[in-house]
Amino acid sequence: MKLTKVVSLLAVTAGALALVAVPSNAQAKTKKKAAVKPVTIYLTRHGETTGNVMGRVQGWSDFPLTSNGIAVANNLGRGLKGKTFKVAYAGNLTRQQVTAKQALKYSGNKKVKVNVSKYLREGGYGSFEGDSIAADNALIAGVYGFKSGDEMMAKQGKDYWNLLQDAYYKLDQKNSQKTNLVASDRAESSKQVQKRMAKELLTIAKATQKRGGGNALVVSSGMSINEYLSTMAGSKYTGAPLKNAAVTKLVYKHGKLAVSGPIGSMTYVDKGAKLAK
């Protein structure tokens, strides 16, 4: 009888310990889950380039930053001081990579590596790259029945950048410029730009979340960012041009990215400019 009682007592004790262990594991999982920070992407346009100053169509062509463009990238960094970036990404163009590196350096994040992705580069304009923007805008406005590029921009609003991209695509498919470019080097359509941007930004958000969440600096280009933002449901996107080094914050929740705050904010650049004085 005594042996039976001892065995029963041990069984009860083991069961009690097992019950205690369950909430302990659950608490550990809860703490681990709580430790994951939200993911915020600072989607940024590059600094001023020689192509911007000369009014040239840039696209995949590698125009460098001007001295002013570097200063603006530095000011962006100064304005971001205090923000810790878990990761950083840039398109495969010099203007995008240098902007990212300068921003990281001046924000106190210079040890963060800049990951390079061709999916974050500017929209491709194929046979039109290097052209005068004013001349091409007038040509494209005519394609849509407008008298000027300014009129087209004013009347098309948030659809303007997509229509502009698609006009380059359609004209280049017809080889209006009489070039010998192969199909893969010709202008992209807005759908192509939107698809690669959306896929890459979502990939970045997921990868950042797996590393515990936090901030990600992503530097791309004006039209690519505009075309991507035009697809964001619920955003206050109007199609307004983005200034050099303008920042739009994206927050990753429930498997999706959403705009948080103003689109194309110059707050960080302006703050950095004041700190530089």
Foldseek 3Di string as FASTA:
>chain_A
DVVVVVVVVVVVVVVVVVVVVVVVVVVVVVVLVVQFDWAKEWEWEFFAFPCNVQQFAAFPNATAHDPVRLLLLLLLLLLLAVAEAPAEEEEPHNRGVSSRCNSCVNNVNNVHDYHYHNLQEGFALFPRGGPRNQVLLCVLCVVVPHRGNVVQCVVVWLCSLQSSQQSSVVCVVVPVVVDDDDPVRHTDHLVSLLVSVQVVVLVVSVVCSVVRHGYYYYYYHFSSVSSNVSPAPPDPGTNDTAHHGFIWMWIDDPSDIHTDDDGRHCSSSVNSVVVVD
